[in-house]
Each structure stands twice: as structure tokens, then as C-alpha cells.
């Protein structure tokens, strides 16, 4: 496969991660290997250029230069030669002037200290120097020699360079633009020469000794012209790709907006059908699928994901039965008295509920409270030696993806005595570190007071619906607690959070539908990963085929 054929088939591999940046790097790689343009037998070979360079260097007392015996990275065309950077160009290492010699008042000449703060892409420098120590001239190549090592640019005027930079002035016979693209192609190899652990740098000796390939001068010019042409094509490909992504994003956003803002449940369900029918076009990136997941949950807790059934027992009856059961258990001493909560003012509720639904709060729907970890320090070994009681921390909840299957430690009896054991099926909600991460315990466990636990009343089969609600409300949880003016989450605020409660049978239908759609999202993510992986492999194969020809 030729480079031109690779570009003709680029649309097949453009879905690979970072396809266009990788293509840009590959173009440079082909350029410096002599595989981008045809060689011309009539061109004067690079060895003659090097003889001329050496002759001029030796007249000034410079050291003689030979590259034989050095390990080369790859084979070169017959008319090419390897040359050291120190022989291809004059090297001027930067040196920072005293701080009182440079300023920000545009007095003196531009001063560049290092990194990528220099050259053609930065026409306005941050500093000016009145008494420069080391100079670079217009069209000198500037290269970073201190972290990060390797980035290059071209000076657009005379300037002072600090010790983070070196100026390279190519000798006659070395095209400036070809030399620049060589340095860009070998940027990572240059960086690998760096010394130092906390601040990587390269010195003049290392830079001088670095080998680059040199083609005949006429071919250098042809290579530069071809690279410019292909980079312009990459610009167009990138712009077209960005426009496609932008159109797709607008379509996805419009479709999700219709889902979230339907006039009634029937319209919303029609919009859901449209979105599901066009999923391949609307979910081409992980963030699209994440938005879809959030929309599914949003519709679920607003009663817009499945139809209501007027025959379902209303949620208000569930709440009344739970209160009756709790009153009886309190009377029998099997549970503590329920907290006294103010009457719910539905005028302050986040949205209107469907028929049969009711607003409730976690303490009204089951056991609700903070975990315990009274002992200090919390990591005292005496709490854990020989332990068997599992301990869950906020990190376990954050990583759970809805079901907590990991634990951080194991309490012994001493640890358990200063904590509390919560049963399998408990909904855990974090109130420290990441706010309102949630997950359901898949085993009995203890957790600290940075986690709140909710055990649904026996009337509920599990906490799945409530976990879905927390995921939905996480970003705007305070909106579900309208009575508070605070901007952080604690148990008091969570006590006030309004939970949209559907009839029990509808709750079952909602959970089943959410499970079905989340499984669909899982498959979409897997397919997206497969497509990207296959595109990446195809790209690698295509690039390898070009190199092999």
C-alpha cells in the first residue's frame, strides 16, 4: 500500500483513537525514512553535501566528523546518509540572563525561557531582555533541552534564549524545513536521552551527537513540499471530522432534549422509540452513552419510562402501611421512634408526579442513618488484627457501579464494637469525598460515618429503585431538598430529600425496564470499544504495510 492509497482509505480507519494525530506522526516517519517521495538518480547524493559541510567546518577548526560505527535506527535509501545534528547545524545553547536584565515592558529584544513559549506560533513574547546573554537569529530552529525535552519551533526574529532552549542554525546543504521535520519526527528519541529524575534535560554533547538522516538537497525540498501537502490534507480531514462530530452532537443533544422535555408521557415514549431506533447514529462516543444512561434514569424517576396502570395501588397507601408497621414495631420495642419530619409541601417539589405517585423521604421508607467508626486513629491495627467483619469505605462505593463488591478491610470484634454492621442489600450513599456516590451492598458490612445507609422497609423487594434515584439526583441533589439553604450534603439534608415514589408494581416495571436499557448501553459500549479496537488494528496494519513497501 502506498501513502496515497492509505489516504484514499482513511475514512475506514478514522474511527481509531487519535487517528489523525497518528497519521500526522506517520507522515513525518515516512518522510525521514525516504518513503514519502520517489528518489531521483540524478540528485547529487547526500554524501557530497556532507563532504562540503565537513570541508567548511574543518576550515574553521571544527572537529572532523564520521558516523560509521553508530547504530542506525533504520536503513536509508542509497542516496541518503546519516549525519550528526552537530554537523548539520551550528548549535547555540541558551543561557538565562540575570533577572534584572529582562522585563515585561517591551524594552530590548524578545526573551524566551524554554518549553514551547517561542517562535512562529507565539508572535508576542512574554518577556524582553535589555542585555541578552545568548542570541538566536530569525529562522533559527529553537529546541527545548530542558523538560519537556524535544519540542521545536522556528524563531521569527532575533531573540534572547534561556537555558531551557538551544538554537540550531542549519548549514548550507541542509534545508531548514526538512531539518525541522526531522527533529519533530525524532522528538521522543531525543527526549529519551534526557538525564535527571525530577527535571529531565539534555546537554550540548548529547544534542551534537544525535544522528538524523539526510537526503539529497533536491529531495529534501520535495519531501518538505509533500509533507506540507499532506499536513494540509490532515487539516481538512480534521475539520471534516470535527464538523461530523458537531452535527452528530447537535442531533444527539436535540434527541435527548426531546426525551427530557416531552409534553406528556406518550410523547416522551415516542421520543424514546425514535432515539432507540437511531442509536448507532446517536451514540458514537462514550460520553453519548453516558448521557443516554442519565436520560434513562431521569425518565424512570419521573414516571415517563413505562406507562402507568390505574389499577396499581397508589404509593400513598404504601407509605401509610409502612408508617403503621413502624408504629407497631416501635410499640413492641423492635425499632426506634421515627424522626419527626415536616409536612411535604408539593409546591416546592422538583417536578409534578404522575397519578398514583407520591413524594416521600428516606427515613419514612426504611432504616436510614450514618455509618460508625468511632475509634481514632481509624487505621489502628488493633481494630483489624484477625478480623472477619468486612469494612467498606467511600472508595468502594464510588467504584461500585451500583453494586458494592469490594471492601477495604476486615474488622475484628474490637473494630465491630466501635462500628455497626449493615445487612446485605443496604443502599450506601457517600457524604464525603465524592458526594452522593451510591451502591448496594452485596454482603454484610460495616462502613464509617462518611457513608449513609438505607435499608428499605420490608414491603420493598430491594433498594434498586432507590439506587437509581440517587444516581439520577446526584448532580442536583440539593434541588430535591428544597428546605435547606446549605450547599453541602449531610445526614440532615439527606433526611429532607424528596423521593418520587411510584406504586409498587410500577416500581417493579421501572427497575426491569432500566435494567434492560442499561444492558443495552453496556452492549453499545462494548460495540463501540470493538469498533475502535478494530479501527485501531486496521490503522496499524495499514501503516505497517506502507512501511513495508
Protein backbone atom coordinates (compact mmCIF):
# COMPACT_ATOMS: atom_id res chain seq x y z
CA UNK A 1 0.00 0.00 0.00
CA UNK A 2 1.32 3.44 -0.93
CA UNK A 3 0.88 6.58 1.21
CA UNK A 4 -1.64 7.89 -1.35
CA UNK A 5 -3.73 4.71 -1.13
CA UNK A 6 -3.61 4.93 2.66
CA UNK A 7 -5.12 8.40 2.50
CA UNK A 8 -7.75 7.24 -0.02
CA UNK A 9 -8.92 4.64 2.53
CA UNK A 10 -8.58 6.89 5.55
CA UNK A 11 -12.34 7.08 6.13
CA UNK A 12 -12.26 3.35 7.04
CA UNK A 13 -9.74 3.91 9.82
CA UNK A 14 -10.64 7.40 11.00
CA UNK A 15 -12.63 5.99 13.95
CA UNK A 16 -9.42 4.70 15.52
CA UNK A 17 -8.41 6.61 18.66
CA UNK A 18 -6.28 9.66 17.72
CA UNK A 19 -6.31 8.56 14.08
CA UNK A 20 -5.40 11.92 12.57
CA UNK A 21 -2.62 12.79 15.08
CA UNK A 22 -1.21 9.32 14.46
CA UNK A 23 -1.42 9.90 10.73
CA UNK A 24 0.49 13.18 11.12
CA UNK A 25 3.23 11.41 13.06
CA UNK A 26 3.32 8.66 10.45
CA UNK A 27 3.73 11.17 7.61
CA UNK A 28 6.80 12.54 9.39
CA UNK A 29 8.07 8.99 9.90
CA UNK A 30 7.72 8.21 6.20
CA UNK A 31 9.40 11.50 5.33
CA UNK A 32 12.57 10.81 7.33
CA UNK A 33 12.78 7.19 6.09
CA UNK A 34 12.76 8.14 2.41
CA UNK A 35 9.36 6.54 1.77
CA UNK A 36 7.25 9.62 1.11
CA UNK A 37 8.57 10.71 -2.31
CA UNK A 38 10.42 8.96 -5.10
CA UNK A 39 14.21 9.08 -5.19
CA UNK A 40 15.77 10.64 -8.30
CA UNK A 41 19.03 9.06 -9.53
CA UNK A 42 20.05 12.42 -10.96
CA UNK A 43 20.12 14.07 -7.50
CA UNK A 44 23.52 14.75 -6.01
CA UNK A 45 23.84 12.23 -3.13
CA UNK A 46 23.82 13.43 0.48
CA UNK A 47 27.38 12.18 0.92
CA UNK A 48 28.56 15.02 -1.36
CA UNK A 49 26.60 17.53 0.76
CA UNK A 50 28.30 16.19 3.87
CA UNK A 51 31.74 16.48 2.26
CA UNK A 52 31.04 20.13 1.55
CA UNK A 53 29.81 20.70 5.11
CA UNK A 54 32.89 18.98 6.57
CA UNK A 55 35.22 20.98 4.36
CA UNK A 56 33.74 24.23 5.66
CA UNK A 57 33.72 23.03 9.26
CA UNK A 58 37.37 21.98 9.07
CA UNK A 59 38.40 25.38 7.70
CA UNK A 60 37.13 26.87 10.95
CA UNK A 61 38.96 24.34 13.11
CA UNK A 62 35.90 22.23 13.87
CA UNK A 63 36.35 18.55 14.67
CA UNK A 64 36.17 16.06 11.85
CA UNK A 65 33.04 14.01 11.76
CA UNK A 66 32.33 10.40 10.87
CA UNK A 67 29.08 8.48 11.52
CA UNK A 68 30.37 4.98 10.70
CA UNK A 69 30.10 2.60 13.64
CA UNK A 70 26.99 4.21 15.11
CA UNK A 71 23.86 2.09 15.42
CA UNK A 72 21.30 3.40 12.93
CA UNK A 73 17.58 3.19 13.62
CA UNK A 74 16.63 2.03 10.12
CA UNK A 75 18.04 1.54 6.61
CA UNK A 76 18.26 4.59 4.38
CA UNK A 77 17.87 4.92 0.60
CA UNK A 78 21.15 4.63 -1.27
CA UNK A 79 21.47 8.36 -1.90
CA UNK A 80 20.90 9.29 1.77
CA UNK A 81 23.41 9.49 4.64
CA UNK A 82 23.37 9.77 8.41
CA UNK A 83 24.70 12.98 9.90
CA UNK A 84 25.12 14.27 13.43
CA UNK A 85 22.99 17.23 14.47
CA UNK A 86 26.21 18.98 15.46
CA UNK A 87 27.45 18.72 11.86
CA UNK A 88 24.13 19.53 10.20
CA UNK A 89 23.78 22.79 12.10
CA UNK A 90 25.53 25.26 14.34
CA UNK A 91 24.31 24.85 17.93
CA UNK A 92 23.90 27.75 20.33
CA UNK A 93 22.94 26.63 23.84
CA UNK A 94 20.83 29.15 25.71
CA UNK A 95 21.81 30.91 28.90
CA UNK A 96 19.40 32.90 31.03
CA UNK A 97 20.47 36.49 31.76
CA UNK A 98 20.20 37.93 35.28
CA UNK A 99 16.59 38.63 36.24
CA UNK A 100 17.17 42.38 36.29
CA UNK A 101 18.08 42.23 32.58
CA UNK A 102 14.66 41.16 31.37
CA UNK A 103 11.21 42.66 31.76
CA UNK A 104 7.62 42.71 30.54
CA UNK A 105 7.69 46.30 29.31
CA UNK A 106 8.83 45.55 25.71
CA UNK A 107 12.27 47.05 26.28
CA UNK A 108 15.07 45.24 24.46
CA UNK A 109 14.64 42.08 22.36
CA UNK A 110 12.26 39.14 22.92
CA UNK A 111 13.41 36.67 25.58
CA UNK A 112 12.28 33.04 25.55
CA UNK A 113 12.99 30.87 28.57
CA UNK A 114 12.04 27.43 27.34
CA UNK A 115 9.25 24.93 26.85
CA UNK A 116 7.10 25.88 23.85
CA UNK A 117 6.91 29.59 24.58
CA UNK A 118 8.73 30.67 21.44
CA UNK A 119 8.75 31.04 17.68
CA UNK A 120 6.19 31.16 14.90
CA UNK A 121 3.19 30.09 16.96
CA UNK A 122 3.90 32.70 19.65
CA UNK A 123 4.43 36.05 17.89
CA UNK A 124 4.17 38.05 21.14
CA UNK A 125 6.73 37.04 23.78
CA UNK A 126 6.07 37.37 27.49
CA UNK A 127 9.48 38.92 28.28
CA UNK A 128 12.04 41.25 26.71
CA UNK A 129 15.75 41.37 27.50
CA UNK A 130 17.92 44.51 27.56
CA UNK A 131 21.28 42.72 27.84
CA UNK A 132 21.00 39.27 26.22
CA UNK A 133 23.48 36.55 27.10
CA UNK A 134 22.83 34.18 24.18
CA UNK A 135 21.15 35.08 20.89
CA UNK A 136 19.12 33.19 18.34
CA UNK A 137 18.53 34.73 14.92
CA UNK A 138 15.47 34.85 12.67
CA UNK A 139 14.76 31.38 11.20
CA UNK A 140 16.91 29.58 13.74
CA UNK A 141 15.29 26.35 14.92
CA UNK A 142 14.66 26.53 18.65
CA UNK A 143 14.52 23.25 20.55
CA UNK A 144 13.71 22.57 24.19
CA UNK A 145 16.63 20.97 26.02
CA UNK A 146 15.08 21.02 29.49
CA UNK A 147 11.75 19.49 30.49
CA UNK A 148 9.99 18.94 28.26
CA UNK A 149 12.87 17.87 26.01
CA UNK A 150 12.23 17.88 22.28
CA UNK A 151 9.52 20.41 21.27
CA UNK A 152 10.71 22.60 18.41
CA UNK A 153 9.75 25.81 16.67
CA UNK A 154 11.34 28.48 14.49
CA UNK A 155 12.40 31.91 15.69
CA UNK A 156 10.51 34.63 13.84
CA UNK A 157 13.03 37.33 14.83
CA UNK A 158 16.26 37.85 16.71
CA UNK A 159 15.74 36.86 20.35
CA UNK A 160 17.48 36.02 23.61
CA UNK A 161 17.21 32.35 24.65
CA UNK A 162 17.32 30.98 28.18
CA UNK A 163 19.00 27.77 29.28
CA UNK A 164 15.88 25.74 28.53
CA UNK A 165 16.47 26.25 24.79
CA UNK A 166 19.09 25.69 22.13
CA UNK A 167 19.22 27.42 18.74
CA UNK A 168 20.09 25.30 15.69
CA UNK A 169 21.26 27.08 12.53
CA UNK A 170 21.38 24.58 9.62
CA UNK A 171 24.49 24.62 7.41
CA UNK A 172 24.36 25.05 3.65
CA UNK A 173 23.01 21.85 2.13
CA UNK A 174 20.54 21.23 4.99
CA UNK A 175 17.06 22.60 4.29
CA UNK A 176 15.62 24.44 7.30
CA UNK A 177 12.13 22.94 6.99
CA UNK A 178 13.43 19.40 6.41
CA UNK A 179 15.72 19.71 9.43
CA UNK A 180 12.74 20.92 11.48
CA UNK A 181 10.50 18.00 10.49
CA UNK A 182 13.42 15.61 11.26
CA UNK A 183 13.63 17.00 14.79
CA UNK A 184 9.85 16.75 15.20
CA UNK A 185 9.88 13.14 14.00
CA UNK A 186 12.64 12.20 16.46
CA UNK A 187 11.26 14.23 19.38
CA UNK A 188 10.62 11.20 21.59
CA UNK A 189 14.04 9.73 20.80
CA UNK A 190 15.69 13.00 21.80
CA UNK A 191 13.66 13.10 24.99
CA UNK A 192 14.78 9.56 25.85
CA UNK A 193 18.37 10.81 26.04
CA UNK A 194 17.46 13.13 28.90
CA UNK A 195 19.16 12.81 32.26
CA UNK A 196 17.82 13.70 35.70
CA UNK A 197 14.96 12.26 37.71
CA UNK A 198 12.82 15.25 38.68
CA UNK A 199 13.93 17.61 35.91
CA UNK A 200 14.91 15.92 32.65
CA UNK A 201 17.39 17.68 30.34
CA UNK A 202 19.88 17.02 27.56
CA UNK A 203 23.27 18.70 27.16
CA UNK A 204 25.13 20.04 24.13
CA UNK A 205 27.23 16.89 23.72
CA UNK A 206 24.12 14.71 23.51
CA UNK A 207 22.44 17.07 21.08
CA UNK A 208 25.54 17.32 18.86
CA UNK A 209 25.93 13.54 18.68
CA UNK A 210 22.31 12.79 17.80
CA UNK A 211 22.03 11.27 14.32
CA UNK A 212 19.49 12.33 11.72
CA UNK A 213 19.00 11.08 8.14
CA UNK A 214 19.99 13.45 5.34
CA UNK A 215 18.66 13.09 1.77
CA UNK A 216 19.94 14.90 -1.30
CA UNK A 217 19.07 18.59 -1.19
CA UNK A 218 16.62 18.39 -4.10
CA UNK A 219 14.83 15.52 -2.37
CA UNK A 220 14.74 17.50 0.88
CA UNK A 221 12.78 20.16 -0.99
CA UNK A 222 10.41 17.58 -2.50
CA UNK A 223 9.85 15.99 0.92
CA UNK A 224 9.04 19.34 2.53
CA UNK A 225 6.55 20.15 -0.24
CA UNK A 226 4.90 16.72 0.10
CA UNK A 227 4.70 16.98 3.90
CA UNK A 228 3.10 20.43 3.59
CA UNK A 229 0.57 18.99 1.13
CA UNK A 230 -0.28 16.02 3.36
CA UNK A 231 -0.46 18.09 6.54
CA UNK A 232 -2.91 20.40 4.77
CA UNK A 233 -4.93 17.31 3.87
CA UNK A 234 -4.83 16.25 7.52
CA UNK A 235 -6.13 19.71 8.43
CA UNK A 236 -9.05 19.20 6.05
CA UNK A 237 -9.71 15.69 7.36
CA UNK A 238 -9.62 17.01 10.91
CA UNK A 239 -12.00 19.86 10.08
CA UNK A 240 -14.40 17.47 8.32
CA UNK A 241 -14.26 15.05 11.22
CA UNK A 242 -14.91 17.88 13.69
CA UNK A 243 -17.90 19.04 11.62
CA UNK A 244 -19.34 15.50 11.53
CA UNK A 245 -18.90 15.22 15.29
CA UNK A 246 -20.50 18.62 15.78
CA UNK A 247 -23.54 17.67 13.67
CA UNK A 248 -23.84 14.36 15.49
CA UNK A 249 -23.56 16.11 18.87
CA UNK A 250 -26.31 18.55 17.89
CA UNK A 251 -28.55 15.68 16.75
CA UNK A 252 -27.87 13.74 19.95
CA UNK A 253 -28.48 16.80 22.13
CA UNK A 254 -31.74 17.58 20.33
CA UNK A 255 -32.94 13.99 20.67
CA UNK A 256 -32.06 13.86 24.38
CA UNK A 257 -33.73 17.24 24.90
CA UNK A 258 -36.95 15.86 23.42
CA UNK A 259 -36.66 12.85 25.71
CA UNK A 260 -36.27 15.01 28.79
CA UNK A 261 -38.87 17.64 27.87
CA UNK A 262 -41.81 15.81 26.36
CA UNK A 263 -45.20 17.40 26.91
CA UNK A 264 -46.63 14.14 28.25
CA UNK A 265 -45.65 10.54 28.89
CA UNK A 266 -46.93 9.32 25.50
CA UNK A 267 -44.82 11.90 23.66
CA UNK A 268 -41.78 11.00 25.74
CA UNK A 269 -42.19 7.31 24.99
CA UNK A 270 -42.48 8.12 21.26
CA UNK A 271 -39.26 10.09 21.52
CA UNK A 272 -37.64 7.15 23.34
CA UNK A 273 -38.60 4.94 20.41
CA UNK A 274 -37.03 7.37 17.94
CA UNK A 275 -33.83 7.56 19.95
CA UNK A 276 -33.54 3.79 20.29
CA UNK A 277 -34.14 3.25 16.56
CA UNK A 278 -31.30 5.63 15.72
CA UNK A 279 -28.86 4.60 18.45
CA UNK A 280 -25.96 3.80 16.06
CA UNK A 281 -26.00 7.40 14.80
CA UNK A 282 -26.59 8.94 18.22
CA UNK A 283 -24.07 7.00 20.33
CA UNK A 284 -20.65 7.09 18.72
CA UNK A 285 -18.66 8.19 21.77
CA UNK A 286 -18.58 7.07 25.41
CA UNK A 287 -19.99 10.43 26.54
CA UNK A 288 -23.04 9.92 24.28
CA UNK A 289 -23.77 6.62 26.02
CA UNK A 290 -23.26 8.20 29.44
CA UNK A 291 -25.77 10.92 28.52
CA UNK A 292 -28.22 8.22 27.42
CA UNK A 293 -27.80 6.37 30.72
CA UNK A 294 -28.55 9.54 32.66
CA UNK A 295 -31.59 10.27 30.50
CA UNK A 296 -32.96 6.76 31.08
CA UNK A 297 -32.67 7.24 34.84
CA UNK A 298 -34.15 10.72 34.60
CA UNK A 299 -37.21 9.40 32.76
CA UNK A 300 -37.52 6.45 35.15
CA UNK A 301 -37.90 8.51 38.32
CA UNK A 302 -40.33 10.92 36.64
CA UNK A 303 -42.74 8.17 35.59
CA UNK A 304 -42.05 8.62 31.87
CA UNK A 305 -40.23 5.39 31.07
CA UNK A 306 -43.10 2.90 31.47
CA UNK A 307 -46.86 3.53 31.28
CA UNK A 308 -48.91 3.95 34.44
CA UNK A 309 -51.67 1.45 35.27
CA UNK A 310 -54.69 2.98 37.06
CA UNK A 311 -55.26 -0.41 38.73
CA UNK A 312 -51.96 -0.16 40.64
CA UNK A 313 -52.23 0.51 44.37
CA UNK A 314 -51.17 4.17 44.83
CA UNK A 315 -47.88 4.95 46.52
CA UNK A 316 -49.65 6.87 49.29
CA UNK A 317 -51.07 3.54 50.50
CA UNK A 318 -47.53 2.09 50.67
CA UNK A 319 -46.36 4.99 52.80
CA UNK A 320 -49.35 4.60 55.12
CA UNK A 321 -48.69 0.86 55.54
CA UNK A 322 -45.00 1.48 56.27
CA UNK A 323 -45.95 4.03 58.95
CA UNK A 324 -48.41 1.61 60.50
CA UNK A 325 -45.85 -1.21 60.56
CA UNK A 326 -43.20 1.08 62.06
CA UNK A 327 -45.57 2.32 64.74
CA UNK A 328 -46.31 -1.28 65.72
CA UNK A 329 -42.58 -2.21 65.83
CA UNK A 330 -41.85 0.91 67.90
CA UNK A 331 -44.62 -0.08 70.30
CA UNK A 332 -43.09 -3.55 70.60
CA UNK A 333 -39.61 -2.10 71.11
CA UNK A 334 -38.20 -3.61 67.92
CA UNK A 335 -37.16 -0.27 66.43
CA UNK A 336 -36.60 3.31 67.47
CA UNK A 337 -39.07 6.11 67.03
CA UNK A 338 -39.16 7.60 63.51
CA UNK A 339 -37.75 11.13 63.17
CA UNK A 340 -40.29 13.92 63.11
CA UNK A 341 -40.25 15.38 59.61
CA UNK A 342 -42.18 18.43 58.43
CA UNK A 343 -45.14 18.01 56.11
CA UNK A 344 -44.16 17.87 52.45
CA UNK A 345 -45.08 20.99 50.52
CA UNK A 346 -45.57 19.73 46.97
CA UNK A 347 -45.41 23.30 45.67
CA UNK A 348 -41.66 23.13 46.32
CA UNK A 349 -41.23 19.70 44.73
CA UNK A 350 -38.79 19.42 41.80
CA UNK A 351 -41.48 18.33 39.31
CA UNK A 352 -45.07 17.16 39.04
CA UNK A 353 -45.69 13.47 39.68
CA UNK A 354 -47.78 11.09 37.58
CA UNK A 355 -51.09 9.82 39.01
CA UNK A 356 -50.59 7.22 41.74
CA UNK A 357 -47.13 8.50 42.72
CA UNK A 358 -46.24 10.30 45.96
CA UNK A 359 -43.33 12.24 47.44
CA UNK A 360 -41.63 10.62 50.42
CA UNK A 361 -38.34 10.81 52.31
CA UNK A 362 -35.80 8.12 53.08
CA UNK A 363 -36.49 7.97 56.86
CA UNK A 364 -40.17 7.37 56.04
CA UNK A 365 -39.36 4.43 53.78
CA UNK A 366 -36.98 2.35 55.91
CA UNK A 367 -33.93 2.47 58.18
CA UNK A 368 -31.76 5.46 57.37
CA UNK A 369 -28.60 6.57 59.15
CA UNK A 370 -24.86 7.18 59.09
CA UNK A 371 -22.25 4.51 59.49
CA UNK A 372 -19.93 4.43 62.50
CA UNK A 373 -16.19 4.41 63.06
CA UNK A 374 -15.67 5.94 66.49
CA UNK A 375 -12.10 4.86 67.25
CA UNK A 376 -9.18 7.17 66.44
CA UNK A 377 -6.98 6.65 64.59
CA UNK A 378 -9.26 4.81 62.22
CA UNK A 379 -6.43 2.66 60.90
CA UNK A 380 -5.37 1.42 64.35
CA UNK A 381 -4.12 -2.17 63.82
CA UNK A 382 -5.92 -3.26 67.00
CA UNK A 383 -9.21 -2.87 65.10
CA UNK A 384 -8.20 -5.22 62.30
CA UNK A 385 -5.87 -7.97 63.56
CA UNK A 386 -7.55 -11.31 62.85
CA UNK A 387 -10.66 -9.52 61.57
CA UNK A 388 -13.57 -11.17 59.76
CA UNK A 389 -16.17 -8.36 59.59
CA UNK A 390 -15.93 -6.59 56.22
CA UNK A 391 -15.35 -2.81 56.14
CA UNK A 392 -16.48 -0.71 53.18
CA UNK A 393 -15.11 2.80 52.57
CA UNK A 394 -16.20 5.65 50.28
CA UNK A 395 -13.85 4.40 47.55
CA UNK A 396 -15.61 1.04 47.44
CA UNK A 397 -18.93 2.84 46.95
CA UNK A 398 -17.51 5.15 44.26
CA UNK A 399 -16.14 2.19 42.26
CA UNK A 400 -19.22 0.02 42.66
CA UNK A 401 -21.22 0.92 39.55
CA UNK A 402 -24.34 0.26 41.61
CA UNK A 403 -23.32 -2.99 43.35
CA UNK A 404 -20.60 -2.91 46.03
CA UNK A 405 -18.42 -5.98 45.60
CA UNK A 406 -15.14 -4.79 47.14
CA UNK A 407 -14.11 -3.97 50.70
CA UNK A 408 -11.19 -2.07 52.22
CA UNK A 409 -10.52 -4.06 55.37
CA UNK A 410 -11.83 -6.51 57.96
CA UNK A 411 -12.72 -5.51 61.49
CA UNK A 412 -12.19 -7.84 64.41
CA UNK A 413 -14.58 -7.87 67.37
CA UNK A 414 -12.95 -4.70 68.78
CA UNK A 415 -13.43 -2.95 65.43
CA UNK A 416 -17.01 -4.14 65.16
CA UNK A 417 -17.82 -2.88 68.68
CA UNK A 418 -16.95 0.71 67.71
CA UNK A 419 -18.79 0.46 64.37
CA UNK A 420 -22.03 -1.17 63.19
CA UNK A 421 -22.84 -4.00 60.81
CA UNK A 422 -25.29 -3.29 57.96
CA UNK A 423 -27.05 -6.11 56.10
CA UNK A 424 -26.57 -7.21 52.51
CA UNK A 425 -28.88 -5.13 50.28
CA UNK A 426 -28.22 -1.85 52.11
CA UNK A 427 -28.06 1.19 49.86
CA UNK A 428 -24.88 3.16 50.65
CA UNK A 429 -24.60 6.89 49.86
CA UNK A 430 -21.36 8.81 50.33
CA UNK A 431 -21.42 12.22 52.03
CA UNK A 432 -17.65 12.85 51.98
CA UNK A 433 -15.03 12.85 49.22
CA UNK A 434 -17.29 12.34 46.18
CA UNK A 435 -20.78 13.44 47.19
CA UNK A 436 -23.73 11.08 46.60
CA UNK A 437 -21.89 8.16 45.06
CA UNK A 438 -24.11 5.15 45.63
CA UNK A 439 -24.11 1.37 45.59
CA UNK A 440 -25.89 -1.59 47.15
CA UNK A 441 -24.00 -3.94 49.47
CA UNK A 442 -23.59 -7.45 48.08
CA UNK A 443 -22.58 -8.67 51.58
CA UNK A 444 -22.99 -7.66 55.22
CA UNK A 445 -20.51 -4.87 56.04
CA UNK A 446 -19.53 -2.00 58.29
CA UNK A 447 -18.87 1.49 56.97
CA UNK A 448 -17.76 4.81 58.53
CA UNK A 449 -19.79 7.95 59.13
CA UNK A 450 -18.75 9.29 55.71
CA UNK A 451 -21.31 6.85 54.30
CA UNK A 452 -25.07 6.85 54.90
CA UNK A 453 -27.00 3.58 54.80
CA UNK A 454 -30.61 2.96 53.76
CA UNK A 455 -32.38 -0.36 54.36
CA UNK A 456 -35.78 -0.27 52.62
CA UNK A 457 -38.88 -1.31 54.55
CA UNK A 458 -39.86 -4.96 54.16
CA UNK A 459 -42.59 -4.01 51.70
CA UNK A 460 -39.92 -3.26 49.08
CA UNK A 461 -38.17 -6.25 47.47
CA UNK A 462 -34.80 -4.42 47.29
CA UNK A 463 -33.18 -0.98 47.07
CA UNK A 464 -32.66 -0.97 43.29
CA UNK A 465 -35.18 1.77 42.50
CA UNK A 466 -33.76 4.00 45.24
CA UNK A 467 -30.21 3.50 43.99
CA UNK A 468 -31.33 4.51 40.52
CA UNK A 469 -32.95 7.60 42.02
CA UNK A 470 -29.74 8.64 43.80
CA UNK A 471 -27.79 8.27 40.56
CA UNK A 472 -30.34 10.48 38.81
CA UNK A 473 -30.39 13.11 41.52
CA UNK A 474 -26.66 13.14 42.26
CA UNK A 475 -25.79 16.23 40.20
CA UNK A 476 -28.74 18.22 41.56
CA UNK A 477 -29.38 16.54 44.89
CA UNK A 478 -29.94 19.82 46.69
CA UNK A 479 -32.91 20.53 44.40
CA UNK A 480 -34.59 17.52 45.97
CA UNK A 481 -34.10 19.07 49.43
CA UNK A 482 -35.75 22.48 48.91
CA UNK A 483 -35.96 23.29 52.63
CA UNK A 484 -32.19 23.69 53.01
CA UNK A 485 -30.05 26.67 52.14
CA UNK A 486 -26.77 24.79 52.68
CA UNK A 487 -24.60 23.79 49.74
CA UNK A 488 -23.08 20.63 51.16
CA UNK A 489 -24.60 17.21 51.82
CA UNK A 490 -25.00 15.72 55.29
CA UNK A 491 -27.49 13.43 57.00
CA UNK A 492 -29.81 16.32 57.90
CA UNK A 493 -30.08 17.32 54.25
CA UNK A 494 -30.48 13.73 53.07
CA UNK A 495 -33.35 13.38 55.55
CA UNK A 496 -35.10 16.18 53.64
CA UNK A 497 -34.50 14.81 50.14
CA UNK A 498 -37.80 14.20 48.35
CA UNK A 499 -38.00 10.77 46.74
CA UNK A 500 -40.50 10.32 43.88
CA UNK A 501 -42.22 7.06 44.87
CA UNK A 502 -44.21 5.06 42.27
CA UNK A 503 -46.76 2.37 43.06
CA UNK A 504 -45.01 -0.86 43.99
CA UNK A 505 -45.94 -2.77 40.82
CA UNK A 506 -44.87 0.15 38.64
CA UNK A 507 -41.63 0.29 40.60
CA UNK A 508 -41.01 -3.31 39.52
CA UNK A 509 -41.71 -2.40 35.87
CA UNK A 510 -39.40 0.61 36.08
CA UNK A 511 -36.50 -1.39 37.50
CA UNK A 512 -36.96 -4.12 34.88
CA UNK A 513 -37.03 -1.54 32.06
CA UNK A 514 -34.00 0.33 33.39
CA UNK A 515 -32.11 -2.96 33.71
CA UNK A 516 -32.99 -3.79 30.11
CA UNK A 517 -31.88 -0.38 28.79
CA UNK A 518 -28.70 -0.33 30.89
CA UNK A 519 -27.81 -3.73 29.45
CA UNK A 520 -28.36 -2.21 26.01
CA UNK A 521 -25.99 0.63 26.96
CA UNK A 522 -23.44 -1.97 28.10
CA UNK A 523 -23.66 -3.65 24.69
CA UNK A 524 -23.33 -0.30 22.93
CA UNK A 525 -20.18 0.48 24.93
CA UNK A 526 -18.75 -2.95 24.11
CA UNK A 527 -19.54 -2.49 20.41
CA UNK A 528 -18.01 0.99 20.47
CA UNK A 529 -14.86 -0.40 22.06
CA UNK A 530 -14.77 -3.19 19.46
CA UNK A 531 -15.17 -0.73 16.58
CA UNK A 532 -12.42 1.49 17.94
CA UNK A 533 -10.14 -1.51 18.56
CA UNK A 534 -10.75 -2.89 15.07
CA UNK A 535 -10.21 0.55 13.54
CA UNK A 536 -7.00 0.87 15.53
CA UNK A 537 -5.80 -2.54 14.30
CA UNK A 538 -6.71 -1.66 10.73
CA UNK A 539 -4.81 1.60 11.05
CA UNK A 540 -1.76 -0.18 12.48
CA UNK A 541 -1.90 -2.75 9.68
CA UNK A 542 -2.22 -0.06 7.03
CA UNK A 543 0.68 1.91 8.47
CA UNK A 544 2.82 -1.23 8.73
CA UNK A 545 2.01 -2.12 5.09
CA UNK A 546 3.10 1.32 3.92
CA UNK A 547 6.37 0.97 5.85
CA UNK A 548 6.98 -2.48 4.37
CA UNK A 549 6.67 -1.30 0.76
